N, C-alpha and C. Protein backbone atom coordinates (compact mmCIF):
# COMPACT_ATOMS: atom_id res chain seq x y z
N UNK A 1 19.06 -6.39 -0.28
CA UNK A 1 19.74 -5.16 0.03
C UNK A 1 19.08 -4.51 1.30
N UNK A 2 19.90 -3.93 2.18
CA UNK A 2 19.34 -3.35 3.28
C UNK A 2 19.15 -1.85 3.09
N UNK A 3 18.43 -1.44 2.10
CA UNK A 3 18.28 -0.06 1.57
C UNK A 3 17.03 -0.02 0.73
N UNK A 4 15.92 0.98 1.10
CA UNK A 4 14.72 0.87 0.37
C UNK A 4 14.92 1.47 -1.05
N UNK A 5 15.85 2.37 -1.32
CA UNK A 5 16.08 2.81 -2.66
C UNK A 5 16.89 1.75 -3.46
N UNK A 6 17.93 1.19 -2.99
CA UNK A 6 18.81 0.32 -3.74
C UNK A 6 18.01 -1.10 -4.04
N UNK A 7 17.05 -1.46 -3.08
CA UNK A 7 16.58 -2.65 -3.42
C UNK A 7 15.37 -2.50 -4.17
N UNK A 8 15.00 -1.39 -4.61
CA UNK A 8 13.91 -1.11 -5.53
C UNK A 8 12.65 -0.92 -4.96
N UNK A 9 12.64 -0.86 -3.54
CA UNK A 9 11.25 -0.61 -2.97
C UNK A 9 10.87 0.77 -3.19
N UNK A 10 11.81 1.75 -3.17
CA UNK A 10 11.56 3.21 -3.49
C UNK A 10 12.32 3.48 -4.81
N UNK A 11 11.78 3.85 -5.97
CA UNK A 11 12.39 4.17 -7.12
C UNK A 11 12.33 5.73 -7.19
N UNK A 12 13.43 6.40 -6.91
CA UNK A 12 13.45 7.84 -6.76
C UNK A 12 13.20 8.47 -8.24
N UNK A 13 13.79 7.96 -9.21
CA UNK A 13 13.68 8.43 -10.59
C UNK A 13 12.19 8.27 -11.02
N UNK A 14 11.64 7.16 -10.76
CA UNK A 14 10.14 6.90 -11.13
C UNK A 14 9.24 7.93 -10.46
N UNK A 15 9.55 8.28 -9.08
CA UNK A 15 8.64 9.18 -8.40
C UNK A 15 8.78 10.49 -9.05
N UNK A 16 10.10 10.90 -9.36
CA UNK A 16 10.33 12.24 -10.01
C UNK A 16 9.59 12.53 -11.33
N UNK A 17 9.36 11.40 -12.01
CA UNK A 17 8.66 11.51 -13.40
C UNK A 17 7.18 11.39 -13.20
N UNK A 18 6.79 10.36 -12.34
CA UNK A 18 5.33 9.99 -12.34
C UNK A 18 4.63 10.61 -11.16
N UNK A 19 5.27 10.88 -10.11
CA UNK A 19 4.60 11.25 -8.78
C UNK A 19 5.26 12.46 -8.07
N UNK A 20 5.36 13.54 -8.81
CA UNK A 20 6.01 14.78 -8.26
C UNK A 20 5.35 15.31 -7.09
N UNK A 21 4.07 14.97 -6.89
CA UNK A 21 3.39 15.33 -5.61
C UNK A 21 4.04 14.76 -4.25
N UNK A 22 4.43 13.36 -4.60
CA UNK A 22 5.18 12.75 -3.39
C UNK A 22 6.60 13.38 -3.19
N UNK A 23 7.18 13.59 -4.31
CA UNK A 23 8.58 14.24 -4.18
C UNK A 23 8.41 15.66 -3.44
N UNK A 24 7.29 16.35 -3.73
CA UNK A 24 7.26 17.73 -3.02
C UNK A 24 6.97 17.60 -1.49
N UNK A 25 6.59 16.34 -1.12
CA UNK A 25 6.37 16.19 0.27
C UNK A 25 7.54 15.96 1.17
N UNK A 26 8.62 15.62 0.38
CA UNK A 26 9.88 15.23 1.09
C UNK A 26 10.99 16.14 0.62
N UNK A 27 11.61 16.88 1.50
CA UNK A 27 12.65 17.85 1.24
C UNK A 27 13.79 17.14 0.48
N UNK A 28 14.37 17.98 -0.35
CA UNK A 28 15.52 17.40 -1.12
C UNK A 28 16.77 16.87 -0.19
N UNK A 29 16.89 17.54 0.85
CA UNK A 29 17.94 17.09 1.67
C UNK A 29 17.69 15.70 2.36
N UNK A 30 16.37 15.39 2.45
CA UNK A 30 16.05 13.98 2.84
C UNK A 30 16.31 12.96 1.82
N UNK A 31 16.10 13.35 0.59
CA UNK A 31 16.39 12.32 -0.56
C UNK A 31 17.96 12.18 -0.60
N UNK A 32 18.61 13.24 -0.36
CA UNK A 32 20.07 13.25 -0.34
C UNK A 32 20.65 12.18 0.57
N UNK A 33 19.89 12.07 1.75
CA UNK A 33 20.37 11.08 2.73
C UNK A 33 20.28 9.64 2.22
N UNK A 34 19.39 9.45 1.15
CA UNK A 34 19.24 8.13 0.64
C UNK A 34 20.20 7.82 -0.56
N UNK A 35 20.46 8.91 -1.19
CA UNK A 35 21.18 8.75 -2.54
C UNK A 35 22.70 8.89 -2.38
N UNK A 36 23.20 9.24 -1.28
CA UNK A 36 24.74 9.26 -1.04
C UNK A 36 25.35 7.98 -0.97
N UNK A 37 25.67 7.32 -1.93
CA UNK A 37 26.20 5.93 -2.05
C UNK A 37 27.31 5.82 -2.95
N UNK A 38 28.22 4.98 -2.84
CA UNK A 38 29.28 4.78 -3.96
C UNK A 38 28.65 3.96 -4.95
N UNK A 39 29.24 4.18 -6.20
CA UNK A 39 28.72 3.34 -7.41
C UNK A 39 29.21 1.92 -7.23
N UNK A 40 30.44 1.77 -6.61
CA UNK A 40 30.97 0.41 -6.36
C UNK A 40 30.56 -0.09 -4.99
N UNK A 41 29.66 -1.07 -5.01
CA UNK A 41 29.01 -1.53 -3.76
C UNK A 41 29.71 -2.73 -3.16
N UNK A 42 30.52 -3.41 -3.79
CA UNK A 42 31.07 -4.73 -3.35
C UNK A 42 31.78 -4.38 -2.02
N UNK A 43 31.64 -5.21 -1.06
CA UNK A 43 32.38 -5.06 0.21
C UNK A 43 32.27 -3.89 0.91
N UNK A 44 31.06 -3.19 0.74
CA UNK A 44 30.92 -1.85 1.38
C UNK A 44 29.53 -1.91 2.01
N UNK A 45 29.52 -1.27 3.16
CA UNK A 45 28.18 -1.22 3.91
C UNK A 45 27.12 -0.27 3.22
N UNK A 46 25.98 -0.71 3.05
CA UNK A 46 25.00 0.10 2.44
C UNK A 46 24.58 1.27 3.51
N UNK A 47 24.11 2.46 3.04
CA UNK A 47 24.00 3.44 3.94
C UNK A 47 22.82 3.63 4.90
N UNK A 48 21.74 2.75 4.44
CA UNK A 48 20.48 2.92 5.33
C UNK A 48 20.32 1.62 6.18
N UNK A 49 20.09 1.84 7.31
CA UNK A 49 19.61 0.81 8.35
C UNK A 49 18.56 1.31 9.25
N UNK A 50 18.01 0.40 10.06
CA UNK A 50 16.89 0.83 10.87
C UNK A 50 17.14 2.06 11.75
N UNK A 51 18.39 2.15 12.33
CA UNK A 51 18.50 3.28 13.23
C UNK A 51 18.52 4.65 12.52
N UNK A 52 19.27 4.57 11.38
CA UNK A 52 19.14 5.97 10.73
C UNK A 52 17.84 6.38 10.15
N UNK A 53 17.06 5.23 9.71
CA UNK A 53 15.64 5.52 9.39
C UNK A 53 14.77 6.05 10.40
N UNK A 54 14.96 5.47 11.62
CA UNK A 54 14.16 6.04 12.74
C UNK A 54 14.65 7.49 12.95
N UNK A 55 15.90 7.89 13.00
CA UNK A 55 16.38 9.16 13.30
C UNK A 55 15.72 10.12 12.14
N UNK A 56 15.71 9.55 11.01
CA UNK A 56 15.08 10.45 9.82
C UNK A 56 13.67 10.75 10.10
N UNK A 57 12.87 9.66 10.55
CA UNK A 57 11.41 9.79 10.71
C UNK A 57 11.21 10.72 11.87
N UNK A 58 11.91 10.57 12.94
CA UNK A 58 11.75 11.55 14.20
C UNK A 58 11.98 12.94 13.92
N UNK A 59 12.49 13.41 12.82
CA UNK A 59 12.63 14.77 12.51
C UNK A 59 11.35 15.46 12.19
N UNK A 60 10.29 14.72 12.12
CA UNK A 60 9.00 15.15 11.68
C UNK A 60 7.95 15.21 12.93
N UNK A 61 6.90 15.90 12.72
CA UNK A 61 5.80 15.91 13.72
C UNK A 61 5.00 14.75 13.31
N UNK A 62 4.44 14.01 14.39
CA UNK A 62 3.74 12.75 14.01
C UNK A 62 2.63 12.85 13.29
N UNK A 63 1.96 14.08 13.30
CA UNK A 63 0.70 14.13 12.58
C UNK A 63 0.98 14.79 11.12
N UNK A 64 2.13 14.93 10.78
CA UNK A 64 2.46 15.53 9.41
C UNK A 64 2.48 14.48 8.33
N UNK A 65 2.29 14.91 7.07
CA UNK A 65 2.38 14.06 5.97
C UNK A 65 3.75 13.41 5.72
N UNK A 66 4.75 14.31 6.05
CA UNK A 66 6.23 13.72 6.08
C UNK A 66 6.36 12.51 6.85
N UNK A 67 5.84 12.68 8.10
CA UNK A 67 6.03 11.59 9.00
C UNK A 67 5.36 10.20 8.60
N UNK A 68 4.10 10.38 8.01
CA UNK A 68 3.41 9.25 7.42
C UNK A 68 4.14 8.67 6.29
N UNK A 69 4.70 9.41 5.38
CA UNK A 69 5.40 8.89 4.23
C UNK A 69 6.66 8.25 4.75
N UNK A 70 7.55 8.80 5.54
CA UNK A 70 8.68 8.37 6.01
C UNK A 70 8.51 7.02 6.79
N UNK A 71 7.39 7.00 7.55
CA UNK A 71 7.18 5.82 8.35
C UNK A 71 6.74 4.55 7.43
N UNK A 72 6.16 5.01 6.35
CA UNK A 72 5.76 3.85 5.35
C UNK A 72 7.00 3.37 4.79
N UNK A 73 8.05 4.20 4.46
CA UNK A 73 9.33 3.75 3.84
C UNK A 73 10.03 2.83 4.91
N UNK A 74 9.80 3.25 6.25
CA UNK A 74 10.58 2.40 7.25
C UNK A 74 9.90 0.97 7.38
N UNK A 75 8.54 0.98 7.32
CA UNK A 75 7.79 -0.24 7.28
C UNK A 75 8.23 -1.11 6.11
N UNK A 76 8.39 -0.60 4.84
CA UNK A 76 8.70 -1.30 3.62
C UNK A 76 10.12 -1.92 3.76
N UNK A 77 11.03 -1.10 4.43
CA UNK A 77 12.34 -1.42 4.78
C UNK A 77 12.41 -2.70 5.56
N UNK A 78 11.57 -2.75 6.73
CA UNK A 78 11.66 -3.91 7.48
C UNK A 78 11.01 -5.20 6.78
N UNK A 79 10.01 -5.03 5.98
CA UNK A 79 9.40 -6.12 5.24
C UNK A 79 10.47 -6.58 4.22
N UNK A 80 11.01 -5.70 3.53
CA UNK A 80 11.89 -6.17 2.42
C UNK A 80 13.18 -6.71 3.05
N UNK A 81 13.53 -6.47 4.31
CA UNK A 81 14.72 -6.99 4.93
C UNK A 81 14.52 -8.44 5.31
N UNK A 82 13.29 -8.91 5.39
CA UNK A 82 12.99 -10.31 5.84
C UNK A 82 13.59 -11.29 4.87
N UNK A 83 14.14 -12.37 5.44
CA UNK A 83 14.82 -13.33 4.63
C UNK A 83 13.99 -13.82 3.48
N UNK A 84 12.71 -14.21 3.83
CA UNK A 84 11.88 -14.83 2.72
C UNK A 84 11.55 -13.87 1.58
N UNK A 85 11.59 -12.43 1.76
CA UNK A 85 11.50 -11.54 0.63
C UNK A 85 12.95 -11.42 -0.06
N UNK A 86 14.00 -11.48 0.73
CA UNK A 86 15.27 -11.40 0.05
C UNK A 86 15.50 -12.50 -0.94
N UNK A 87 15.14 -13.78 -0.58
CA UNK A 87 15.36 -14.82 -1.53
C UNK A 87 14.10 -15.08 -2.52
N UNK A 88 13.11 -14.06 -2.43
CA UNK A 88 12.01 -13.99 -3.36
C UNK A 88 11.32 -15.43 -3.36
N UNK A 89 10.95 -15.93 -2.22
CA UNK A 89 10.36 -17.31 -2.10
C UNK A 89 8.75 -17.27 -2.25
N UNK A 90 8.27 -17.83 -3.28
CA UNK A 90 6.77 -17.92 -3.37
C UNK A 90 6.19 -18.93 -2.42
N UNK A 91 6.93 -19.70 -1.74
CA UNK A 91 6.50 -20.65 -0.75
C UNK A 91 6.43 -19.94 0.59
N UNK A 92 7.44 -19.30 1.04
CA UNK A 92 7.49 -18.60 2.30
C UNK A 92 6.62 -17.35 2.35
N UNK A 93 6.56 -16.71 1.18
CA UNK A 93 5.70 -15.44 1.04
C UNK A 93 4.46 -15.80 0.21
N UNK A 94 3.52 -16.30 0.84
CA UNK A 94 2.28 -16.59 0.12
C UNK A 94 1.32 -15.41 0.15
N UNK A 95 0.21 -15.63 -0.28
CA UNK A 95 -0.81 -14.52 -0.24
C UNK A 95 -1.29 -14.07 1.12
N UNK A 96 -1.30 -14.95 1.96
CA UNK A 96 -1.68 -14.59 3.41
C UNK A 96 -0.62 -14.00 4.00
N UNK A 97 0.65 -14.41 3.98
CA UNK A 97 1.75 -13.81 4.74
C UNK A 97 1.92 -12.42 4.19
N UNK A 98 1.90 -12.26 2.76
CA UNK A 98 2.02 -10.91 2.13
C UNK A 98 1.08 -9.93 2.60
N UNK A 99 -0.27 -10.40 2.57
CA UNK A 99 -1.29 -9.52 3.07
C UNK A 99 -1.14 -9.13 4.55
N UNK A 100 -0.67 -10.00 5.47
CA UNK A 100 -0.43 -9.63 6.80
C UNK A 100 0.72 -8.67 6.90
N UNK A 101 1.79 -8.94 6.16
CA UNK A 101 3.01 -8.18 6.31
C UNK A 101 2.73 -6.68 5.69
N UNK A 102 2.21 -6.64 4.54
CA UNK A 102 2.19 -5.33 3.86
C UNK A 102 0.88 -4.45 4.13
N UNK A 103 -0.32 -5.07 4.21
CA UNK A 103 -1.52 -4.31 4.16
C UNK A 103 -1.62 -3.39 5.35
N UNK A 104 -1.39 -3.89 6.60
CA UNK A 104 -1.47 -3.01 7.78
C UNK A 104 -0.75 -1.76 7.56
N UNK A 105 0.59 -1.81 7.16
CA UNK A 105 1.29 -0.51 6.86
C UNK A 105 0.73 0.33 5.83
N UNK A 106 0.23 -0.27 4.84
CA UNK A 106 -0.22 0.33 3.56
C UNK A 106 -1.55 1.03 3.96
N UNK A 107 -2.48 0.48 4.55
CA UNK A 107 -3.66 1.06 4.98
C UNK A 107 -3.44 2.21 6.04
N UNK A 108 -2.50 1.93 6.89
CA UNK A 108 -2.12 3.13 7.78
C UNK A 108 -1.62 4.32 7.16
N UNK A 109 -0.91 4.08 5.94
CA UNK A 109 -0.21 5.10 5.13
C UNK A 109 -1.34 5.92 4.42
N UNK A 110 -2.13 5.21 3.71
CA UNK A 110 -3.25 5.81 2.76
C UNK A 110 -4.23 6.40 3.46
N UNK A 111 -4.58 6.08 4.69
CA UNK A 111 -5.68 6.57 5.52
C UNK A 111 -5.48 6.66 6.96
N UNK A 112 -4.55 7.48 7.41
CA UNK A 112 -4.11 7.54 8.72
C UNK A 112 -5.11 8.08 9.81
N UNK A 113 -6.03 8.80 9.21
CA UNK A 113 -6.92 9.41 10.20
C UNK A 113 -8.50 9.11 10.02
N UNK A 114 -8.95 9.25 8.74
CA UNK A 114 -10.30 9.20 8.54
C UNK A 114 -11.08 7.86 8.36
N UNK A 115 -10.15 6.91 8.06
CA UNK A 115 -10.69 5.50 8.03
C UNK A 115 -10.80 4.76 9.39
N UNK A 116 -11.91 4.51 9.71
CA UNK A 116 -12.12 4.05 11.10
C UNK A 116 -12.24 2.41 11.13
N UNK A 117 -12.40 1.82 10.00
CA UNK A 117 -12.38 0.34 10.08
C UNK A 117 -12.05 -0.24 8.85
N UNK A 118 -11.35 -1.35 8.78
CA UNK A 118 -11.02 -2.10 7.65
C UNK A 118 -10.97 -3.67 7.98
N UNK A 119 -11.63 -4.37 7.18
CA UNK A 119 -11.61 -5.87 7.48
C UNK A 119 -12.16 -6.59 6.21
N UNK A 120 -12.14 -7.92 6.29
CA UNK A 120 -12.53 -8.87 5.33
C UNK A 120 -13.90 -9.22 5.61
N UNK A 121 -14.95 -8.71 5.11
CA UNK A 121 -16.38 -9.07 5.30
C UNK A 121 -17.14 -8.80 4.03
N UNK A 122 -18.41 -9.13 4.19
CA UNK A 122 -19.43 -8.88 3.08
C UNK A 122 -19.45 -7.34 2.73
N UNK A 123 -19.38 -7.14 1.42
CA UNK A 123 -19.53 -5.70 1.07
C UNK A 123 -21.12 -5.31 1.06
N UNK A 124 -21.39 -4.35 1.85
CA UNK A 124 -22.76 -3.82 1.94
C UNK A 124 -23.16 -3.33 0.65
N UNK A 125 -22.36 -2.50 0.01
CA UNK A 125 -22.64 -2.00 -1.27
C UNK A 125 -23.10 -3.10 -2.36
N UNK A 126 -22.31 -4.10 -2.47
CA UNK A 126 -22.62 -5.23 -3.43
C UNK A 126 -23.96 -5.86 -2.96
N UNK A 127 -24.20 -6.06 -1.68
CA UNK A 127 -25.51 -6.59 -1.18
C UNK A 127 -26.61 -5.68 -1.58
N UNK A 128 -26.47 -4.32 -1.31
CA UNK A 128 -27.59 -3.49 -1.53
C UNK A 128 -27.86 -3.23 -3.04
N UNK A 129 -26.87 -3.17 -3.91
CA UNK A 129 -26.95 -2.86 -5.15
C UNK A 129 -27.28 -4.03 -6.17
N UNK A 130 -26.64 -5.08 -5.95
CA UNK A 130 -26.79 -6.28 -6.70
C UNK A 130 -27.28 -7.54 -6.09
N UNK A 131 -27.43 -7.52 -4.70
CA UNK A 131 -27.96 -8.58 -3.96
C UNK A 131 -26.94 -9.80 -3.91
N UNK A 132 -25.64 -9.52 -4.10
CA UNK A 132 -24.73 -10.61 -4.20
C UNK A 132 -23.66 -10.50 -2.97
N UNK A 133 -23.18 -11.78 -2.72
CA UNK A 133 -22.13 -11.91 -1.64
C UNK A 133 -20.82 -11.77 -2.16
N UNK A 134 -20.19 -10.62 -1.99
CA UNK A 134 -18.83 -10.23 -2.39
C UNK A 134 -17.95 -9.83 -1.11
N UNK A 135 -16.83 -10.59 -1.00
CA UNK A 135 -15.99 -10.22 0.16
C UNK A 135 -14.55 -9.97 -0.25
N UNK A 136 -14.27 -8.81 -0.52
CA UNK A 136 -12.86 -8.28 -0.93
C UNK A 136 -11.90 -8.50 0.32
N UNK A 137 -10.67 -8.52 -0.04
CA UNK A 137 -9.62 -8.79 0.97
C UNK A 137 -9.74 -7.69 2.08
N UNK A 138 -10.00 -6.37 1.72
CA UNK A 138 -10.04 -5.32 2.64
C UNK A 138 -11.15 -4.44 2.13
N UNK A 139 -11.96 -3.87 3.06
CA UNK A 139 -12.94 -2.87 2.85
C UNK A 139 -12.58 -1.71 3.68
N UNK A 140 -12.56 -0.48 3.20
CA UNK A 140 -12.35 0.63 4.04
C UNK A 140 -13.55 1.46 4.16
N UNK A 141 -13.92 1.86 5.40
CA UNK A 141 -15.22 2.42 5.73
C UNK A 141 -14.95 3.89 6.19
N UNK A 142 -15.60 4.90 5.61
CA UNK A 142 -15.67 6.27 6.14
C UNK A 142 -17.05 6.49 6.82
N UNK A 143 -16.94 6.89 8.13
CA UNK A 143 -18.05 7.06 8.91
C UNK A 143 -18.43 8.52 8.87
N UNK A 144 -19.64 8.92 8.49
CA UNK A 144 -20.05 10.23 8.30
C UNK A 144 -21.55 10.34 8.79
N UNK A 145 -21.67 11.28 9.78
CA UNK A 145 -23.07 11.43 10.37
C UNK A 145 -23.67 10.20 10.83
N UNK A 146 -22.84 9.32 11.58
CA UNK A 146 -23.28 8.11 12.20
C UNK A 146 -23.58 7.01 11.19
N UNK A 147 -23.23 7.18 9.85
CA UNK A 147 -23.40 6.17 8.81
C UNK A 147 -22.10 6.03 8.33
N UNK A 148 -22.03 4.84 7.56
CA UNK A 148 -20.66 4.53 6.97
C UNK A 148 -20.89 4.40 5.49
N UNK A 149 -19.87 4.78 4.75
CA UNK A 149 -19.78 4.60 3.24
C UNK A 149 -18.49 3.65 3.03
N UNK A 150 -18.55 2.80 2.05
CA UNK A 150 -17.41 2.10 1.65
C UNK A 150 -16.60 2.88 0.57
N UNK A 151 -15.40 3.21 0.96
CA UNK A 151 -14.64 4.17 0.13
C UNK A 151 -13.47 3.63 -0.38
N UNK A 152 -13.00 2.39 -0.03
CA UNK A 152 -11.93 1.81 -0.69
C UNK A 152 -11.94 0.31 -0.59
N UNK A 153 -11.49 -0.48 -1.63
CA UNK A 153 -11.40 -1.98 -1.66
C UNK A 153 -9.94 -2.40 -2.04
N UNK A 154 -9.65 -3.36 -1.41
CA UNK A 154 -8.19 -3.94 -1.77
C UNK A 154 -8.28 -5.36 -2.10
N UNK A 155 -7.65 -5.95 -3.16
CA UNK A 155 -7.57 -7.28 -3.49
C UNK A 155 -6.09 -7.63 -3.63
N UNK A 156 -5.75 -8.62 -3.03
CA UNK A 156 -4.34 -9.24 -3.26
C UNK A 156 -4.49 -10.61 -3.88
N UNK A 157 -3.79 -10.67 -5.11
CA UNK A 157 -3.91 -11.86 -5.89
C UNK A 157 -2.63 -12.58 -5.89
N UNK A 158 -2.56 -13.58 -4.92
CA UNK A 158 -1.36 -14.31 -4.68
C UNK A 158 -0.31 -13.46 -4.11
N UNK A 159 0.88 -13.99 -3.87
CA UNK A 159 1.99 -13.25 -3.41
C UNK A 159 2.88 -12.52 -4.57
N UNK A 160 3.75 -11.59 -4.18
CA UNK A 160 4.46 -11.01 -5.19
C UNK A 160 5.42 -11.78 -6.00
N UNK A 161 5.72 -13.10 -5.43
CA UNK A 161 6.56 -13.98 -6.19
C UNK A 161 5.94 -15.15 -6.76
N UNK A 162 4.60 -15.11 -6.83
CA UNK A 162 3.95 -16.28 -7.41
C UNK A 162 4.29 -16.58 -8.75
N UNK A 163 4.33 -17.84 -9.23
CA UNK A 163 4.83 -18.12 -10.57
C UNK A 163 3.93 -17.67 -11.75
N UNK A 164 2.51 -17.78 -11.41
CA UNK A 164 1.52 -17.43 -12.45
C UNK A 164 0.28 -16.82 -11.80
N UNK A 165 0.36 -15.43 -11.50
CA UNK A 165 -0.81 -15.00 -10.81
C UNK A 165 -1.87 -14.37 -11.73
N UNK A 166 -1.72 -14.59 -13.00
CA UNK A 166 -2.62 -13.74 -13.96
C UNK A 166 -4.02 -14.13 -14.00
N UNK A 167 -4.34 -15.47 -13.88
CA UNK A 167 -5.78 -16.00 -13.81
C UNK A 167 -6.50 -15.24 -12.70
N UNK A 168 -5.90 -15.49 -11.50
CA UNK A 168 -6.57 -14.83 -10.37
C UNK A 168 -6.53 -13.32 -10.33
N UNK A 169 -5.57 -12.68 -10.88
CA UNK A 169 -5.47 -11.30 -11.02
C UNK A 169 -6.57 -10.69 -11.94
N UNK A 170 -6.81 -11.44 -12.95
CA UNK A 170 -7.87 -11.01 -13.90
C UNK A 170 -9.33 -10.95 -13.24
N UNK A 171 -9.50 -12.16 -12.54
CA UNK A 171 -10.78 -12.22 -11.77
C UNK A 171 -10.98 -11.24 -10.69
N UNK A 172 -9.79 -10.94 -9.97
CA UNK A 172 -9.86 -9.96 -8.89
C UNK A 172 -10.12 -8.51 -9.48
N UNK A 173 -9.49 -8.27 -10.59
CA UNK A 173 -9.63 -6.94 -11.23
C UNK A 173 -11.09 -6.79 -11.65
N UNK A 174 -11.77 -7.74 -12.16
CA UNK A 174 -13.19 -7.68 -12.38
C UNK A 174 -14.07 -7.42 -11.17
N UNK A 175 -13.62 -8.15 -10.17
CA UNK A 175 -14.38 -8.00 -8.83
C UNK A 175 -14.29 -6.62 -8.38
N UNK A 176 -13.16 -6.06 -8.44
CA UNK A 176 -12.80 -4.71 -7.79
C UNK A 176 -13.66 -3.66 -8.68
N UNK A 177 -13.86 -3.83 -10.00
CA UNK A 177 -14.44 -2.80 -10.71
C UNK A 177 -15.93 -2.78 -10.28
N UNK A 178 -16.44 -4.05 -10.12
CA UNK A 178 -17.93 -4.17 -9.80
C UNK A 178 -18.10 -3.62 -8.41
N UNK A 179 -17.20 -3.93 -7.45
CA UNK A 179 -17.34 -3.32 -6.05
C UNK A 179 -17.26 -1.87 -6.06
N UNK A 180 -16.42 -1.30 -6.92
CA UNK A 180 -16.35 0.10 -6.93
C UNK A 180 -17.59 0.78 -7.50
N UNK A 181 -18.16 0.25 -8.54
CA UNK A 181 -19.37 0.80 -9.10
C UNK A 181 -20.49 0.61 -8.05
N UNK A 182 -20.54 -0.55 -7.33
CA UNK A 182 -21.75 -0.79 -6.38
C UNK A 182 -21.46 0.39 -5.28
N UNK A 183 -20.25 0.54 -4.79
CA UNK A 183 -20.07 1.49 -3.75
C UNK A 183 -20.43 2.94 -4.17
N UNK A 184 -20.01 3.48 -5.45
CA UNK A 184 -20.37 4.74 -5.86
C UNK A 184 -21.89 4.89 -5.86
N UNK A 185 -22.62 3.91 -6.42
CA UNK A 185 -24.07 3.96 -6.44
C UNK A 185 -24.62 4.13 -5.17
N UNK A 186 -24.22 3.32 -4.22
CA UNK A 186 -24.75 3.43 -2.83
C UNK A 186 -24.44 4.72 -2.22
N UNK A 187 -23.32 5.22 -2.37
CA UNK A 187 -22.92 6.57 -1.64
C UNK A 187 -23.68 7.58 -2.26
N UNK A 188 -23.87 7.68 -3.68
CA UNK A 188 -24.57 8.76 -4.27
C UNK A 188 -26.08 8.74 -3.87
N UNK A 189 -26.58 7.50 -3.71
CA UNK A 189 -28.07 7.44 -3.25
C UNK A 189 -28.22 8.09 -1.98
N UNK A 190 -27.10 8.15 -1.07
CA UNK A 190 -27.30 8.70 0.21
C UNK A 190 -26.80 10.19 0.19
N UNK A 191 -26.64 10.72 -1.08
CA UNK A 191 -26.17 11.98 -1.27
C UNK A 191 -24.80 12.20 -0.59
N UNK A 192 -24.03 11.24 -0.56
CA UNK A 192 -22.73 11.40 -0.03
C UNK A 192 -21.67 11.08 -1.18
N UNK A 193 -21.21 12.18 -1.60
CA UNK A 193 -20.35 12.03 -2.96
C UNK A 193 -18.85 11.74 -2.59
N UNK A 194 -18.72 10.70 -1.98
CA UNK A 194 -17.46 10.20 -1.56
C UNK A 194 -16.83 9.32 -2.75
N UNK A 195 -15.56 9.73 -3.09
CA UNK A 195 -14.96 8.89 -4.08
C UNK A 195 -14.69 7.51 -3.57
N UNK A 196 -14.29 6.43 -4.49
CA UNK A 196 -14.15 5.09 -4.09
C UNK A 196 -12.81 4.75 -4.65
N UNK A 197 -11.82 4.26 -3.98
CA UNK A 197 -10.52 3.91 -4.39
C UNK A 197 -10.36 2.48 -4.44
N UNK A 198 -9.79 1.94 -5.59
CA UNK A 198 -9.63 0.46 -5.78
C UNK A 198 -8.07 0.22 -5.75
N UNK A 199 -7.60 -0.82 -5.00
CA UNK A 199 -6.22 -1.10 -4.87
C UNK A 199 -6.05 -2.63 -5.23
N UNK A 200 -5.23 -2.82 -6.16
CA UNK A 200 -4.96 -4.36 -6.59
C UNK A 200 -3.57 -4.61 -6.53
N UNK A 201 -3.15 -5.63 -5.63
CA UNK A 201 -1.84 -6.05 -5.61
C UNK A 201 -1.64 -7.48 -6.13
N UNK A 202 -0.75 -7.52 -7.10
CA UNK A 202 -0.32 -8.90 -7.71
C UNK A 202 0.93 -8.82 -8.37
N UNK A 203 1.60 -10.00 -8.43
CA UNK A 203 3.04 -9.93 -8.97
C UNK A 203 3.70 -9.04 -8.09
N UNK A 204 4.53 -8.05 -8.61
CA UNK A 204 5.29 -7.13 -7.71
C UNK A 204 4.66 -5.67 -8.02
N UNK A 205 3.35 -5.64 -8.26
CA UNK A 205 2.75 -4.37 -8.67
C UNK A 205 1.70 -4.01 -7.63
N UNK A 206 1.47 -2.73 -7.50
CA UNK A 206 0.37 -2.18 -6.81
C UNK A 206 -0.31 -1.17 -7.63
N UNK A 207 -1.60 -1.53 -8.13
CA UNK A 207 -2.30 -0.67 -9.02
C UNK A 207 -3.51 0.03 -8.15
N UNK A 208 -3.55 1.29 -8.51
CA UNK A 208 -4.55 2.12 -7.92
C UNK A 208 -5.56 2.56 -8.97
C-alpha cells in the first residue's frame, strides 16, 4: 500500500497508547491528513503519496523535531513502496539490503545533530574492557572534549522477512548487552556519564 499508516509502517493507535511523547510532537491536524480515508478501499486511490508527504514536511523548519520526524516517515514511505518490500521477499530483501535501505534514515532520525560518526568497526569499549574483537553493525560515537564515547550500537539480525531469524537474533541480543555494558564502563571511567542505547532489528521488529 502506498501509505505509511495503512501499510502498518506507522501505527497511530499504538503510538497513542505507548508513545504519547511522539504524538505530542505532531499536531493533531497533521495526523488528520493521514487518517482521512474511506473504509472501503477497493478501486480507490490511497490518500498519501510522495508529493503530499513532501508538502507536509516542508511546513516545518528544517532544524525542528517535527521536520526530523516527518522526514523519517517519508523515508519509510519510500522504502515500503519498493517492490521487494511489497511482496515481502526474503531473497530480494536480505540483511545487507535492509541495513542499507533502513539504517541511514534511522540513524539520521535518532541522532540528527550530535552523532558525528557511525560505521561497522571494532568496538573500542569491548577492546578496552574485555580485550575482545567485537564488531556491531553500527557504532554511534559522541565526540566530547576531543574524545569520543560509544553511545549506541545497532545489530540487524537477517532481513525483516527472513524465515527463521531467531538463532541469529538471540546471539546478537547477547552481543548487544555485552557491548552496552562495556561502553557504560568505559564512559564512566572517563567521568563521562553518557547513556548507551542499544537497537536490535530482526523479523519485523525494532527493539530499543
